[in-house]
């Protein structure tokens, strides 16, 4: 069994993630092929998260009722 020592400066702020190589390669392929996000889309997503945090959203049930479904 191989033992490794991980420097404390790598793990003090949750900066270290250990993944099996196959999972790492799968994620690398995914992000290599992903389309870049435009500034407008990024801002819209950030605004959406902010609205959710502030409670400014409708549930699916509320949307159905509003649409009369």
Protein backbone atom coordinates (compact mmCIF):
# COMPACT_ATOMS: atom_id res chain seq x y z
CA UNK A 1 0.00 0.00 0.00
CA UNK A 2 1.32 3.43 -0.96
CA UNK A 3 1.13 6.27 1.53
CA UNK A 4 1.02 9.90 0.46
CA UNK A 5 1.31 13.08 2.47
CA UNK A 6 -0.96 15.95 1.53
CA UNK A 7 0.34 19.41 2.49
CA UNK A 8 -1.96 21.19 4.96
CA UNK A 9 -2.07 24.31 2.78
CA UNK A 10 -3.94 22.27 0.14
CA UNK A 11 -6.64 21.03 2.50
CA UNK A 12 -7.20 23.90 4.93
CA UNK A 13 -9.94 25.57 2.80
CA UNK A 14 -11.55 22.47 1.28
CA UNK A 15 -9.35 22.96 -1.79
CA UNK A 16 -8.60 19.28 -2.31
CA UNK A 17 -10.79 16.79 -4.15
CA UNK A 18 -9.81 13.17 -4.73
CA UNK A 19 -11.43 11.41 -7.68
CA UNK A 20 -10.87 8.11 -9.42
CA UNK A 21 -9.05 8.63 -12.73
CA UNK A 22 -12.03 7.46 -14.82
CA UNK A 23 -14.32 10.00 -13.17
CA UNK A 24 -11.74 12.76 -13.67
CA UNK A 25 -11.38 11.84 -17.36
CA UNK A 26 -15.17 11.79 -17.79
CA UNK A 27 -15.46 15.25 -16.26
CA UNK A 28 -12.54 16.55 -18.34
CA UNK A 29 -14.22 15.30 -21.55
CA UNK A 30 -17.51 16.88 -20.53
CA UNK A 31 -16.02 20.32 -19.80
CA UNK A 32 -13.79 20.21 -22.89
CA UNK A 33 -16.89 19.79 -25.05
CA UNK A 34 -19.11 22.23 -23.12
CA UNK A 35 -20.14 25.46 -24.79
CA UNK A 36 -18.92 28.66 -23.13
CA UNK A 37 -21.54 30.68 -21.27
CA UNK A 38 -22.13 34.23 -22.43
CA UNK A 39 -21.97 37.13 -19.96
CA UNK A 40 -25.72 37.71 -20.39
CA UNK A 41 -26.59 34.12 -19.54
CA UNK A 42 -24.21 34.10 -16.58
CA UNK A 43 -25.78 37.31 -15.24
CA UNK A 44 -29.31 35.91 -15.71
CA UNK A 45 -28.39 32.75 -13.79
CA UNK A 46 -26.79 34.77 -10.99
CA UNK A 47 -29.91 36.96 -10.80
CA UNK A 48 -32.06 33.83 -10.65
CA UNK A 49 -30.06 32.43 -7.74
CA UNK A 50 -30.36 35.77 -5.95
CA UNK A 51 -34.14 35.81 -6.44
CA UNK A 52 -34.41 32.25 -5.12
CA UNK A 53 -32.35 33.22 -2.06
CA UNK A 54 -34.74 36.14 -1.49
CA UNK A 55 -37.79 33.89 -1.86
CA UNK A 56 -38.94 35.55 -5.10
CA UNK A 57 -40.10 32.49 -7.01
CA UNK A 58 -43.23 30.49 -7.78
CA UNK A 59 -43.65 26.79 -7.14
CA UNK A 60 -44.75 24.53 -9.96
CA UNK A 61 -48.17 24.29 -8.29
CA UNK A 62 -48.49 28.09 -8.25
CA UNK A 63 -47.55 28.27 -11.93
CA UNK A 64 -50.15 25.60 -12.80
CA UNK A 65 -52.84 27.50 -10.90
CA UNK A 66 -51.86 30.79 -12.58
CA UNK A 67 -52.13 29.11 -15.99
CA UNK A 68 -55.42 27.43 -15.10
CA UNK A 69 -54.05 23.92 -15.52
